[in-house]
């Protein structure tokens, strides 16, 4: 497997892990509303949550792998791989947050996987 594909897949996985951590952190804060009066305190509450902080750090780490991959391959090749994050997020949402996964969501994920496979062949 080409090293650029490995970089892309690391980026996709770290992005998904970061998103799961962001969701966990935001769930622990409860529903928030942005108002002019509470803007600073809300931003501080979000920014000091450990899950949000480390989720963002992991997400940024994934961006570094993405940028390195882009230095090696065409964007038209790399970008479809980013859609694999939808598949990972659906699985992670089901596993970690007990979200409902319908047959249509599974079918859509299968289409994404087939599409990425076709792009990787060309």
PDB file of N, CA and C in Angstrom:
ATOM      1  N   UNK A   1       0.851  -1.177   0.000  1.00  0.00           N
ATOM      2  CA  UNK A   1       0.000   0.000   0.000  1.00  0.00           C
ATOM      3  C   UNK A   1       0.895   1.237   0.000  1.00  0.00           C
ATOM      4  N   UNK A   2       0.550   2.190  -0.800  1.00  0.00           N
ATOM      5  CA  UNK A   2       1.303   3.436  -0.903  1.00  0.00           C
ATOM      6  C   UNK A   2       1.258   4.201   0.417  1.00  0.00           C
ATOM      7  N   UNK A   3       2.358   4.825   0.779  1.00  0.00           N
ATOM      8  CA  UNK A   3       2.452   5.552   2.043  1.00  0.00           C
ATOM      9  C   UNK A   3       1.422   6.678   2.128  1.00  0.00           C
ATOM     10  N   UNK A   4       1.090   7.298   0.994  1.00  0.00           N
ATOM     11  CA  UNK A   4       0.103   8.376   1.007  1.00  0.00           C
ATOM     12  C   UNK A   4      -1.260   7.858   1.445  1.00  0.00           C
ATOM     13  N   UNK A   5      -1.617   6.651   1.021  1.00  0.00           N
ATOM     14  CA  UNK A   5      -2.901   6.071   1.435  1.00  0.00           C
ATOM     15  C   UNK A   5      -2.890   5.815   2.941  1.00  0.00           C
ATOM     16  N   UNK A   6      -1.757   5.389   3.454  1.00  0.00           N
ATOM     17  CA  UNK A   6      -1.643   5.178   4.906  1.00  0.00           C
ATOM     18  C   UNK A   6      -1.812   6.503   5.640  1.00  0.00           C
ATOM     19  N   UNK A   7      -1.183   7.558   5.147  1.00  0.00           N
ATOM     20  CA  UNK A   7      -1.347   8.877   5.751  1.00  0.00           C
ATOM     21  C   UNK A   7      -2.813   9.313   5.711  1.00  0.00           C
ATOM     22  N   UNK A   8      -3.478   9.079   4.588  1.00  0.00           N
ATOM     23  CA  UNK A   8      -4.880   9.455   4.454  1.00  0.00           C
ATOM     24  C   UNK A   8      -5.732   8.687   5.461  1.00  0.00           C
ATOM     25  N   UNK A   9      -5.501   7.383   5.570  1.00  0.00           N
ATOM     26  CA  UNK A   9      -6.300   6.570   6.496  1.00  0.00           C
ATOM     27  C   UNK A   9      -6.043   6.960   7.951  1.00  0.00           C
ATOM     28  N   UNK A  10      -4.791   7.294   8.277  1.00  0.00           N
ATOM     29  CA  UNK A  10      -4.496   7.781   9.636  1.00  0.00           C
ATOM     30  C   UNK A  10      -5.260   9.082   9.889  1.00  0.00           C
ATOM     31  N   UNK A  11      -5.298   9.939   8.894  1.00  0.00           N
ATOM     32  CA  UNK A  11      -6.028  11.195   9.022  1.00  0.00           C
ATOM     33  C   UNK A  11      -7.519  10.945   9.251  1.00  0.00           C
ATOM     34  N   UNK A  12      -8.077  10.013   8.503  1.00  0.00           N
ATOM     35  CA  UNK A  12      -9.503   9.694   8.650  1.00  0.00           C
ATOM     36  C   UNK A  12      -9.792   9.136  10.044  1.00  0.00           C
ATOM     37  N   UNK A  13      -8.958   8.219  10.501  1.00  0.00           N
ATOM     38  CA  UNK A  13      -9.174   7.596  11.812  1.00  0.00           C
ATOM     39  C   UNK A  13      -8.987   8.617  12.940  1.00  0.00           C
ATOM     40  N   UNK A  14      -7.932   9.410  12.876  1.00  0.00           N
ATOM     41  CA  UNK A  14      -7.721  10.406  13.936  1.00  0.00           C
ATOM     42  C   UNK A  14      -8.828  11.453  13.934  1.00  0.00           C
ATOM     43  N   UNK A  15      -9.318  11.799  12.753  1.00  0.00           N
ATOM     44  CA  UNK A  15     -10.443  12.727  12.681  1.00  0.00           C
ATOM     45  C   UNK A  15     -11.675  12.155  13.359  1.00  0.00           C
ATOM     46  N   UNK A  16     -11.933  10.872  13.125  1.00  0.00           N
ATOM     47  CA  UNK A  16     -13.090  10.223  13.742  1.00  0.00           C
ATOM     48  C   UNK A  16     -12.919  10.122  15.258  1.00  0.00           C
ATOM     49  N   UNK A  17     -11.737   9.752  15.710  1.00  0.00           N
ATOM     50  CA  UNK A  17     -11.484   9.660  17.154  1.00  0.00           C
ATOM     51  C   UNK A  17     -11.649  11.044  17.792  1.00  0.00           C
ATOM     52  N   UNK A  18     -11.106  12.055  17.140  1.00  0.00           N
ATOM     53  CA  UNK A  18     -11.257  13.410  17.652  1.00  0.00           C
ATOM     54  C   UNK A  18     -12.721  13.817  17.752  1.00  0.00           C
ATOM     55  N   UNK A  19     -13.518  13.495  16.737  1.00  0.00           N
ATOM     56  CA  UNK A  19     -14.936  13.837  16.753  1.00  0.00           C
ATOM     57  C   UNK A  19     -15.684  13.118  17.878  1.00  0.00           C
ATOM     58  N   UNK A  20     -15.344  11.854  18.112  1.00  0.00           N
ATOM     59  CA  UNK A  20     -15.983  11.113  19.209  1.00  0.00           C
ATOM     60  C   UNK A  20     -15.662  11.780  20.546  1.00  0.00           C
ATOM     61  N   UNK A  21     -14.412  12.182  20.714  1.00  0.00           N
ATOM     62  CA  UNK A  21     -14.035  12.856  21.964  1.00  0.00           C
ATOM     63  C   UNK A  21     -14.736  14.203  22.096  1.00  0.00           C
ATOM     64  N   UNK A  22     -14.856  14.942  20.991  1.00  0.00           N
ATOM     65  CA  UNK A  22     -15.569  16.216  21.033  1.00  0.00           C
ATOM     66  C   UNK A  22     -17.027  16.009  21.440  1.00  0.00           C
ATOM     67  N   UNK A  23     -17.662  15.001  20.865  1.00  0.00           N
ATOM     68  CA  UNK A  23     -19.063  14.711  21.206  1.00  0.00           C
ATOM     69  C   UNK A  23     -19.200  14.342  22.684  1.00  0.00           C
ATOM     70  N   UNK A  24     -18.296  13.489  23.180  1.00  0.00           N
ATOM     71  CA  UNK A  24     -18.347  13.091  24.590  1.00  0.00           C
ATOM     72  C   UNK A  24     -18.188  14.315  25.491  1.00  0.00           C
ATOM     73  N   UNK A  25     -17.247  15.171  25.150  1.00  0.00           N
ATOM     74  CA  UNK A  25     -17.040  16.389  25.937  1.00  0.00           C
ATOM     75  C   UNK A  25     -18.242  17.302  25.917  1.00  0.00           C
ATOM     76  N   UNK A  26     -18.842  17.465  24.757  1.00  0.00           N
ATOM     77  CA  UNK A  26     -19.993  18.353  24.659  1.00  0.00           C
ATOM     78  C   UNK A  26     -21.222  17.756  25.345  1.00  0.00           C
ATOM     79  N   UNK A  27     -21.351  16.421  25.316  1.00  0.00           N
ATOM     80  CA  UNK A  27     -22.457  15.791  26.043  1.00  0.00           C
ATOM     81  C   UNK A  27     -22.323  16.024  27.541  1.00  0.00           C
ATOM     82  N   UNK A  28     -21.088  16.041  28.026  1.00  0.00           N
ATOM     83  CA  UNK A  28     -20.893  16.250  29.463  1.00  0.00           C
ATOM     84  C   UNK A  28     -21.230  17.679  29.876  1.00  0.00           C
ATOM     85  N   UNK A  29     -21.217  18.606  28.931  1.00  0.00           N
ATOM     86  CA  UNK A  29     -21.564  19.999  29.234  1.00  0.00           C
ATOM     87  C   UNK A  29     -23.068  20.245  29.152  1.00  0.00           C
ATOM     88  N   UNK A  30     -23.778  19.381  28.461  1.00  0.00           N
ATOM     89  CA  UNK A  30     -25.210  19.582  28.280  1.00  0.00           C
ATOM     90  C   UNK A  30     -25.477  20.566  27.157  1.00  0.00           C
ATOM     91  N   UNK A  31     -26.738  20.803  26.852  1.00  0.00           N
ATOM     92  CA  UNK A  31     -27.095  21.721  25.764  1.00  0.00           C
ATOM     93  C   UNK A  31     -26.607  23.140  26.057  1.00  0.00           C
ATOM     94  N   UNK A  32     -25.963  23.737  25.084  1.00  0.00           N
ATOM     95  CA  UNK A  32     -25.449  25.100  25.236  1.00  0.00           C
ATOM     96  C   UNK A  32     -26.125  26.027  24.236  1.00  0.00           C
ATOM     97  N   UNK A  33     -26.167  27.294  24.581  1.00  0.00           N
ATOM     98  CA  UNK A  33     -26.672  28.322  23.680  1.00  0.00           C
ATOM     99  C   UNK A  33     -25.672  29.469  23.691  1.00  0.00           C
ATOM    100  N   UNK A  34     -25.374  29.982  22.527  1.00  0.00           N
ATOM    101  CA  UNK A  34     -24.473  31.128  22.440  1.00  0.00           C
ATOM    102  C   UNK A  34     -25.280  32.419  22.496  1.00  0.00           C
ATOM    103  N   UNK A  35     -25.009  33.201  23.509  1.00  0.00           N
ATOM    104  CA  UNK A  35     -25.607  34.529  23.626  1.00  0.00           C
ATOM    105  C   UNK A  35     -24.477  35.512  23.880  1.00  0.00           C
ATOM    106  N   UNK A  36     -24.700  36.744  23.555  1.00  0.00           N
ATOM    107  CA  UNK A  36     -23.670  37.761  23.768  1.00  0.00           C
ATOM    108  C   UNK A  36     -23.287  37.841  25.241  1.00  0.00           C
ATOM    109  N   UNK A  37     -24.266  37.691  26.103  1.00  0.00           N
ATOM    110  CA  UNK A  37     -24.031  37.800  27.543  1.00  0.00           C
ATOM    111  C   UNK A  37     -23.140  36.663  28.066  1.00  0.00           C
ATOM    112  N   UNK A  38     -23.350  35.451  27.557  1.00  0.00           N
ATOM    113  CA  UNK A  38     -22.643  34.276  28.078  1.00  0.00           C
ATOM    114  C   UNK A  38     -21.545  33.758  27.150  1.00  0.00           C
ATOM    115  N   UNK A  39     -21.193  34.510  26.138  1.00  0.00           N
ATOM    116  CA  UNK A  39     -20.244  34.023  25.131  1.00  0.00           C
ATOM    117  C   UNK A  39     -18.900  33.620  25.739  1.00  0.00           C
ATOM    118  N   UNK A  40     -18.312  34.471  26.526  1.00  0.00           N
ATOM    119  CA  UNK A  40     -16.988  34.189  27.084  1.00  0.00           C
ATOM    120  C   UNK A  40     -17.034  33.001  28.030  1.00  0.00           C
ATOM    121  N   UNK A  41     -18.025  32.955  28.901  1.00  0.00           N
ATOM    122  CA  UNK A  41     -18.096  31.838  29.845  1.00  0.00           C
ATOM    123  C   UNK A  41     -18.378  30.519  29.110  1.00  0.00           C
ATOM    124  N   UNK A  42     -19.166  30.557  28.055  1.00  0.00           N
ATOM    125  CA  UNK A  42     -19.444  29.343  27.288  1.00  0.00           C
ATOM    126  C   UNK A  42     -18.192  28.861  26.578  1.00  0.00           C
ATOM    127  N   UNK A  43     -17.469  29.768  25.955  1.00  0.00           N
ATOM    128  CA  UNK A  43     -16.227  29.398  25.266  1.00  0.00           C
ATOM    129  C   UNK A  43     -15.213  28.833  26.256  1.00  0.00           C
ATOM    130  N   UNK A  44     -15.105  29.423  27.433  1.00  0.00           N
ATOM    131  CA  UNK A  44     -14.194  28.907  28.457  1.00  0.00           C
ATOM    132  C   UNK A  44     -14.622  27.525  28.944  1.00  0.00           C
ATOM    133  N   UNK A  45     -15.916  27.336  29.103  1.00  0.00           N
ATOM    134  CA  UNK A  45     -16.441  26.041  29.530  1.00  0.00           C
ATOM    135  C   UNK A  45     -16.095  24.965  28.492  1.00  0.00           C
ATOM    136  N   UNK A  46     -16.263  25.292  27.217  1.00  0.00           N
ATOM    137  CA  UNK A  46     -15.948  24.347  26.148  1.00  0.00           C
ATOM    138  C   UNK A  46     -14.445  24.098  26.091  1.00  0.00           C
ATOM    139  N   UNK A  47     -13.674  25.169  26.110  1.00  0.00           N
ATOM    140  CA  UNK A  47     -12.224  25.064  25.941  1.00  0.00           C
ATOM    141  C   UNK A  47     -11.493  24.391  27.085  1.00  0.00           C
ATOM    142  N   UNK A  48     -12.089  24.385  28.258  1.00  0.00           N
ATOM    143  CA  UNK A  48     -11.424  23.753  29.403  1.00  0.00           C
ATOM    144  C   UNK A  48     -11.911  22.328  29.660  1.00  0.00           C
ATOM    145  N   UNK A  49     -12.819  21.848  28.840  1.00  0.00           N
ATOM    146  CA  UNK A  49     -13.262  20.462  28.975  1.00  0.00           C
ATOM    147  C   UNK A  49     -12.164  19.546  28.426  1.00  0.00           C
ATOM    148  N   UNK A  50     -11.679  18.595  29.209  1.00  0.00           N
ATOM    149  CA  UNK A  50     -10.566  17.749  28.756  1.00  0.00           C
ATOM    150  C   UNK A  50     -10.872  16.950  27.490  1.00  0.00           C
ATOM    151  N   UNK A  51     -12.103  16.457  27.357  1.00  0.00           N
ATOM    152  CA  UNK A  51     -12.447  15.701  26.150  1.00  0.00           C
ATOM    153  C   UNK A  51     -12.417  16.601  24.921  1.00  0.00           C
ATOM    154  N   UNK A  52     -12.903  17.816  25.055  1.00  0.00           N
ATOM    155  CA  UNK A  52     -12.870  18.768  23.940  1.00  0.00           C
ATOM    156  C   UNK A  52     -11.420  19.121  23.614  1.00  0.00           C
ATOM    157  N   UNK A  53     -10.630  19.416  24.627  1.00  0.00           N
ATOM    158  CA  UNK A  53      -9.234  19.796  24.413  1.00  0.00           C
ATOM    159  C   UNK A  53      -8.465  18.692  23.682  1.00  0.00           C
ATOM    160  N   UNK A  54      -8.537  17.466  24.204  1.00  0.00           N
ATOM    161  CA  UNK A  54      -7.783  16.371  23.578  1.00  0.00           C
ATOM    162  C   UNK A  54      -8.408  15.945  22.251  1.00  0.00           C
ATOM    163  N   UNK A  55      -9.727  16.067  22.124  1.00  0.00           N
ATOM    164  CA  UNK A  55     -10.370  15.787  20.841  1.00  0.00           C
ATOM    165  C   UNK A  55      -9.867  16.718  19.758  1.00  0.00           C
ATOM    166  N   UNK A  56      -9.754  18.002  20.074  1.00  0.00           N
ATOM    167  CA  UNK A  56      -9.207  18.965  19.113  1.00  0.00           C
ATOM    168  C   UNK A  56      -7.747  18.675  18.796  1.00  0.00           C
ATOM    169  N   UNK A  57      -6.971  18.297  19.815  1.00  0.00           N
ATOM    170  CA  UNK A  57      -5.555  17.984  19.603  1.00  0.00           C
ATOM    171  C   UNK A  57      -5.400  16.789  18.661  1.00  0.00           C
ATOM    172  N   UNK A  58      -6.202  15.759  18.867  1.00  0.00           N
ATOM    173  CA  UNK A  58      -6.136  14.575  17.994  1.00  0.00           C
ATOM    174  C   UNK A  58      -6.582  14.939  16.582  1.00  0.00           C
ATOM    175  N   UNK A  59      -7.615  15.742  16.489  1.00  0.00           N
ATOM    176  CA  UNK A  59      -8.113  16.181  15.195  1.00  0.00           C
ATOM    177  C   UNK A  59      -7.032  16.954  14.427  1.00  0.00           C
ATOM    178  N   UNK A  60      -6.345  17.848  15.101  1.00  0.00           N
ATOM    179  CA  UNK A  60      -5.265  18.614  14.477  1.00  0.00           C
ATOM    180  C   UNK A  60      -4.131  17.683  14.052  1.00  0.00           C
ATOM    181  N   UNK A  61      -3.832  16.673  14.877  1.00  0.00           N
ATOM    182  CA  UNK A  61      -2.819  15.684  14.486  1.00  0.00           C
ATOM    183  C   UNK A  61      -3.195  14.995  13.194  1.00  0.00           C
ATOM    184  N   UNK A  62      -4.461  14.696  13.029  1.00  0.00           N
ATOM    185  CA  UNK A  62      -4.930  14.083  11.787  1.00  0.00           C
ATOM    186  C   UNK A  62      -4.769  15.004  10.594  1.00  0.00           C
ATOM    187  N   UNK A  63      -4.957  16.292  10.819  1.00  0.00           N
ATOM    188  CA  UNK A  63      -4.792  17.263   9.731  1.00  0.00           C
ATOM    189  C   UNK A  63      -3.350  17.260   9.231  1.00  0.00           C
ATOM    190  N   UNK A  64      -2.404  17.078  10.117  1.00  0.00           N
ATOM    191  CA  UNK A  64      -0.995  17.030   9.700  1.00  0.00           C
ATOM    192  C   UNK A  64      -0.768  15.859   8.756  1.00  0.00           C
ATOM    193  N   UNK A  65      -1.315  14.685   9.085  1.00  0.00           N
ATOM    194  CA  UNK A  65      -1.192  13.537   8.184  1.00  0.00           C
ATOM    195  C   UNK A  65      -1.878  13.818   6.846  1.00  0.00           C
ATOM    196  N   UNK A  66      -3.022  14.484   6.886  1.00  0.00           N
ATOM    197  CA  UNK A  66      -3.743  14.832   5.667  1.00  0.00           C
ATOM    198  C   UNK A  66      -2.899  15.739   4.776  1.00  0.00           C
ATOM    199  N   UNK A  67      -2.278  16.744   5.375  1.00  0.00           N
ATOM    200  CA  UNK A  67      -1.456  17.669   4.601  1.00  0.00           C
ATOM    201  C   UNK A  67      -0.250  16.971   3.971  1.00  0.00           C
ATOM    202  N   UNK A  68       0.362  16.070   4.724  1.00  0.00           N
ATOM    203  CA  UNK A  68       1.494  15.308   4.174  1.00  0.00           C
ATOM    204  C   UNK A  68       1.014  14.444   3.011  1.00  0.00           C
ATOM    205  N   UNK A  69      -0.150  13.828   3.164  1.00  0.00           N
ATOM    206  CA  UNK A  69      -0.696  13.014   2.068  1.00  0.00           C
ATOM    207  C   UNK A  69      -0.945  13.871   0.834  1.00  0.00           C
ATOM    208  N   UNK A  70      -1.484  15.084   1.039  1.00  0.00           N
ATOM    209  CA  UNK A  70      -1.756  15.965  -0.095  1.00  0.00           C
ATOM    210  C   UNK A  70      -0.485  16.378  -0.825  1.00  0.00           C
ATOM    211  N   UNK A  71       0.635  16.341  -0.134  1.00  0.00           N
ATOM    212  CA  UNK A  71       1.897  16.681  -0.805  1.00  0.00           C
ATOM    213  C   UNK A  71       2.346  15.562  -1.742  1.00  0.00           C
ATOM    214  N   UNK A  72       1.695  14.378  -1.657  1.00  0.00           N
ATOM    215  CA  UNK A  72       2.116  13.212  -2.420  1.00  0.00           C
ATOM    216  C   UNK A  72       1.147  12.779  -3.514  1.00  0.00           C
ATOM    217  N   UNK A  73      -0.156  13.069  -3.338  1.00  0.00           N
ATOM    218  CA  UNK A  73      -1.149  12.574  -4.298  1.00  0.00           C
ATOM    219  C   UNK A  73      -2.079  13.695  -4.742  1.00  0.00           C
ATOM    220  N   UNK A  74      -2.790  13.436  -5.834  1.00  0.00           N
ATOM    221  CA  UNK A  74      -3.775  14.387  -6.334  1.00  0.00           C
ATOM    222  C   UNK A  74      -4.927  14.519  -5.347  1.00  0.00           C
ATOM    223  N   UNK A  75      -5.457  15.716  -5.253  1.00  0.00           N
ATOM    224  CA  UNK A  75      -6.610  15.963  -4.390  1.00  0.00           C
ATOM    225  C   UNK A  75      -7.810  15.116  -4.834  1.00  0.00           C
ATOM    226  N   UNK A  76      -7.949  14.937  -6.148  1.00  0.00           N
ATOM    227  CA  UNK A  76      -9.075  14.138  -6.660  1.00  0.00           C
ATOM    228  C   UNK A  76      -8.964  12.671  -6.268  1.00  0.00           C
ATOM    229  N   UNK A  77      -7.776  12.222  -5.903  1.00  0.00           N
ATOM    230  CA  UNK A  77      -7.591  10.868  -5.379  1.00  0.00           C
ATOM    231  C   UNK A  77      -7.812  10.846  -3.868  1.00  0.00           C
ATOM    232  N   UNK A  78      -7.235  11.807  -3.171  1.00  0.00           N
ATOM    233  CA  UNK A  78      -7.259  11.799  -1.706  1.00  0.00           C
ATOM    234  C   UNK A  78      -8.637  12.119  -1.131  1.00  0.00           C
ATOM    235  N   UNK A  79      -9.313  13.092  -1.706  1.00  0.00           N
ATOM    236  CA  UNK A  79     -10.526  13.594  -1.070  1.00  0.00           C
ATOM    237  C   UNK A  79     -11.643  12.566  -0.915  1.00  0.00           C
ATOM    238  N   UNK A  80     -11.875  11.698  -1.877  1.00  0.00           N
ATOM    239  CA  UNK A  80     -12.919  10.685  -1.652  1.00  0.00           C
ATOM    240  C   UNK A  80     -12.663   9.809  -0.420  1.00  0.00           C
ATOM    241  N   UNK A  81     -11.404   9.603  -0.056  1.00  0.00           N
ATOM    242  CA  UNK A  81     -11.100   8.818   1.142  1.00  0.00           C
ATOM    243  C   UNK A  81     -11.633   9.504   2.401  1.00  0.00           C
ATOM    244  N   UNK A  82     -11.715  10.821   2.368  1.00  0.00           N
ATOM    245  CA  UNK A  82     -12.231  11.556   3.527  1.00  0.00           C
ATOM    246  C   UNK A  82     -13.674  11.149   3.837  1.00  0.00           C
ATOM    247  N   UNK A  83     -14.404  10.691   2.816  1.00  0.00           N
ATOM    248  CA  UNK A  83     -15.784  10.275   3.055  1.00  0.00           C
ATOM    249  C   UNK A  83     -15.870   9.021   3.918  1.00  0.00           C
ATOM    250  N   UNK A  84     -14.768   8.298   4.058  1.00  0.00           N
ATOM    251  CA  UNK A  84     -14.762   7.145   4.962  1.00  0.00           C
ATOM    252  C   UNK A  84     -15.022   7.572   6.404  1.00  0.00           C
ATOM    253  N   UNK A  85     -14.778   8.839   6.704  1.00  0.00           N
ATOM    254  CA  UNK A  85     -15.060   9.322   8.057  1.00  0.00           C
ATOM    255  C   UNK A  85     -16.547   9.207   8.374  1.00  0.00           C
ATOM    256  N   UNK A  86     -17.415   9.337   7.365  1.00  0.00           N
ATOM    257  CA  UNK A  86     -18.851   9.174   7.594  1.00  0.00           C
ATOM    258  C   UNK A  86     -19.155   7.754   8.062  1.00  0.00           C
ATOM    259  N   UNK A  87     -18.500   6.791   7.440  1.00  0.00           N
ATOM    260  CA  UNK A  87     -18.712   5.388   7.802  1.00  0.00           C
ATOM    261  C   UNK A  87     -18.212   5.142   9.230  1.00  0.00           C
ATOM    262  N   UNK A  88     -17.015   5.634   9.528  1.00  0.00           N
ATOM    263  CA  UNK A  88     -16.461   5.457  10.873  1.00  0.00           C
ATOM    264  C   UNK A  88     -17.321   6.153  11.918  1.00  0.00           C
ATOM    265  N   UNK A  89     -17.807   7.337  11.612  1.00  0.00           N
ATOM    266  CA  UNK A  89     -18.609   8.072  12.584  1.00  0.00           C
ATOM    267  C   UNK A  89     -19.940   7.377  12.845  1.00  0.00           C
ATOM    268  N   UNK A  90     -20.514   6.774  11.820  1.00  0.00           N
ATOM    269  CA  UNK A  90     -21.760   6.056  12.037  1.00  0.00           C
ATOM    270  C   UNK A  90     -21.521   4.870  12.968  1.00  0.00           C
ATOM    271  N   UNK A  91     -20.458   4.124  12.721  1.00  0.00           N
ATOM    272  CA  UNK A  91     -20.145   2.980  13.583  1.00  0.00           C
ATOM    273  C   UNK A  91     -19.823   3.441  15.002  1.00  0.00           C
ATOM    274  N   UNK A  92     -19.033   4.496  15.127  1.00  0.00           N
ATOM    275  CA  UNK A  92     -18.675   5.008  16.458  1.00  0.00           C
ATOM    276  C   UNK A  92     -19.900   5.539  17.199  1.00  0.00           C
ATOM    277  N   UNK A  93     -20.810   6.183  16.483  1.00  0.00           N
ATOM    278  CA  UNK A  93     -22.034   6.693  17.110  1.00  0.00           C
ATOM    279  C   UNK A  93     -22.879   5.558  17.664  1.00  0.00           C
ATOM    280  N   UNK A  94     -22.912   4.467  16.940  1.00  0.00           N
ATOM    281  CA  UNK A  94     -23.668   3.297  17.381  1.00  0.00           C
ATOM    282  C   UNK A  94     -22.993   2.638  18.583  1.00  0.00           C
ATOM    283  N   UNK A  95     -21.667   2.484  18.516  1.00  0.00           N
ATOM    284  CA  UNK A  95     -20.925   1.793  19.578  1.00  0.00           C
ATOM    285  C   UNK A  95     -20.870   2.629  20.860  1.00  0.00           C
ATOM    286  N   UNK A  96     -20.482   3.901  20.747  1.00  0.00           N
ATOM    287  CA  UNK A  96     -20.216   4.706  21.932  1.00  0.00           C
ATOM    288  C   UNK A  96     -21.427   5.476  22.458  1.00  0.00           C
ATOM    289  N   UNK A  97     -22.342   5.844  21.574  1.00  0.00           N
ATOM    290  CA  UNK A  97     -23.456   6.691  21.996  1.00  0.00           C
ATOM    291  C   UNK A  97     -24.816   6.020  21.820  1.00  0.00           C
ATOM    292  N   UNK A  98     -24.806   4.760  21.415  1.00  0.00           N
ATOM    293  CA  UNK A  98     -26.034   3.970  21.261  1.00  0.00           C
ATOM    294  C   UNK A  98     -27.037   4.637  20.330  1.00  0.00           C
ATOM    295  N   UNK A  99     -26.536   5.328  19.296  1.00  0.00           N
ATOM    296  CA  UNK A  99     -27.420   5.957  18.328  1.00  0.00           C
ATOM    297  C   UNK A  99     -28.045   4.901  17.420  1.00  0.00           C
ATOM    298  N   UNK A 100     -29.217   5.200  16.914  1.00  0.00           N
ATOM    299  CA  UNK A 100     -29.942   4.280  16.056  1.00  0.00           C
ATOM    300  C   UNK A 100     -29.343   4.277  14.648  1.00  0.00           C
ATOM    301  N   UNK A 101     -29.035   3.094  14.137  1.00  0.00           N
ATOM    302  CA  UNK A 101     -28.499   2.949  12.785  1.00  0.00           C
ATOM    303  C   UNK A 101     -29.541   2.204  11.952  1.00  0.00           C
ATOM    304  N   UNK A 102     -30.016   2.862  10.914  1.00  0.00           N
ATOM    305  CA  UNK A 102     -31.043   2.260  10.064  1.00  0.00           C
ATOM    306  C   UNK A 102     -30.410   1.522   8.898  1.00  0.00           C
ATOM    307  N   UNK A 103     -31.225   0.735   8.229  1.00  0.00           N
ATOM    308  CA  UNK A 103     -30.770   0.016   7.048  1.00  0.00           C
ATOM    309  C   UNK A 103     -30.323   0.988   5.959  1.00  0.00           C
ATOM    310  N   UNK A 104     -30.996   2.114   5.848  1.00  0.00           N
ATOM    311  CA  UNK A 104     -30.603   3.112   4.855  1.00  0.00           C
ATOM    312  C   UNK A 104     -29.217   3.689   5.153  1.00  0.00           C
ATOM    313  N   UNK A 105     -28.913   3.895   6.417  1.00  0.00           N
ATOM    314  CA  UNK A 105     -27.579   4.393   6.790  1.00  0.00           C
ATOM    315  C   UNK A 105     -26.510   3.361   6.452  1.00  0.00           C
ATOM    316  N   UNK A 106     -26.800   2.105   6.716  1.00  0.00           N
ATOM    317  CA  UNK A 106     -25.853   1.034   6.390  1.00  0.00           C
ATOM    318  C   UNK A 106     -25.668   0.953   4.879  1.00  0.00           C
ATOM    319  N   UNK A 107     -26.753   1.052   4.129  1.00  0.00           N
ATOM    320  CA  UNK A 107     -26.665   1.011   2.669  1.00  0.00           C
ATOM    321  C   UNK A 107     -25.863   2.197   2.142  1.00  0.00           C
ATOM    322  N   UNK A 108     -26.095   3.374   2.701  1.00  0.00           N
ATOM    323  CA  UNK A 108     -25.323   4.550   2.286  1.00  0.00           C
ATOM    324  C   UNK A 108     -23.847   4.380   2.570  1.00  0.00           C
ATOM    325  N   UNK A 109     -23.521   3.795   3.707  1.00  0.00           N
ATOM    326  CA  UNK A 109     -22.122   3.540   4.044  1.00  0.00           C
ATOM    327  C   UNK A 109     -21.494   2.548   3.070  1.00  0.00           C
ATOM    328  N   UNK A 110     -22.262   1.545   2.678  1.00  0.00           N
ATOM    329  CA  UNK A 110     -21.757   0.562   1.716  1.00  0.00           C
ATOM    330  C   UNK A 110     -21.455   1.240   0.377  1.00  0.00           C
ATOM    331  N   UNK A 111     -22.318   2.163  -0.031  1.00  0.00           N
ATOM    332  CA  UNK A 111     -22.079   2.903  -1.273  1.00  0.00           C
ATOM    333  C   UNK A 111     -20.793   3.725  -1.170  1.00  0.00           C
ATOM    334  N   UNK A 112     -20.581   4.353  -0.029  1.00  0.00           N
ATOM    335  CA  UNK A 112     -19.355   5.135   0.178  1.00  0.00           C
ATOM    336  C   UNK A 112     -18.127   4.239   0.065  1.00  0.00           C
ATOM    337  N   UNK A 113     -18.172   3.089   0.713  1.00  0.00           N
ATOM    338  CA  UNK A 113     -17.030   2.168   0.682  1.00  0.00           C
ATOM    339  C   UNK A 113     -16.738   1.714  -0.739  1.00  0.00           C
ATOM    340  N   UNK A 114     -17.778   1.375  -1.476  1.00  0.00           N
ATOM    341  CA  UNK A 114     -17.589   0.955  -2.872  1.00  0.00           C
ATOM    342  C   UNK A 114     -17.021   2.121  -3.697  1.00  0.00           C
ATOM    343  N   UNK A 115     -17.524   3.311  -3.465  1.00  0.00           N
ATOM    344  CA  UNK A 115     -17.024   4.478  -4.181  1.00  0.00           C
ATOM    345  C   UNK A 115     -15.557   4.746  -3.920  1.00  0.00           C
ATOM    346  N   UNK A 116     -15.147   4.652  -2.672  1.00  0.00           N
ATOM    347  CA  UNK A 116     -13.735   4.858  -2.333  1.00  0.00           C
ATOM    348  C   UNK A 116     -12.876   3.761  -2.968  1.00  0.00           C
ATOM    349  N   UNK A 117     -13.374   2.552  -2.954  1.00  0.00           N
ATOM    350  CA  UNK A 117     -12.640   1.448  -3.591  1.00  0.00           C
ATOM    351  C   UNK A 117     -12.474   1.710  -5.084  1.00  0.00           C
ATOM    352  N   UNK A 118     -13.537   2.183  -5.752  1.00  0.00           N
ATOM    353  CA  UNK A 118     -13.435   2.478  -7.178  1.00  0.00           C
ATOM    354  C   UNK A 118     -12.421   3.594  -7.454  1.00  0.00           C
ATOM    355  N   UNK A 119     -12.468   4.639  -6.636  1.00  0.00           N
ATOM    356  CA  UNK A 119     -11.510   5.741  -6.805  1.00  0.00           C
ATOM    357  C   UNK A 119     -10.083   5.257  -6.602  1.00  0.00           C
ATOM    358  N   UNK A 120      -9.882   4.388  -5.611  1.00  0.00           N
ATOM    359  CA  UNK A 120      -8.527   3.910  -5.334  1.00  0.00           C
ATOM    360  C   UNK A 120      -7.991   3.033  -6.468  1.00  0.00           C
ATOM    361  N   UNK A 121      -8.867   2.464  -7.277  1.00  0.00           N
ATOM    362  CA  UNK A 121      -8.460   1.637  -8.415  1.00  0.00           C
ATOM    363  C   UNK A 121      -8.024   2.487  -9.587  1.00  0.00           C
ATOM    364  N   UNK A 122      -8.570   3.704  -9.682  1.00  0.00           N
ATOM    365  CA  UNK A 122      -8.290   4.545 -10.850  1.00  0.00           C
ATOM    366  C   UNK A 122      -7.145   5.432 -10.571  1.00  0.00           C
TER     367      UNK A 122
END
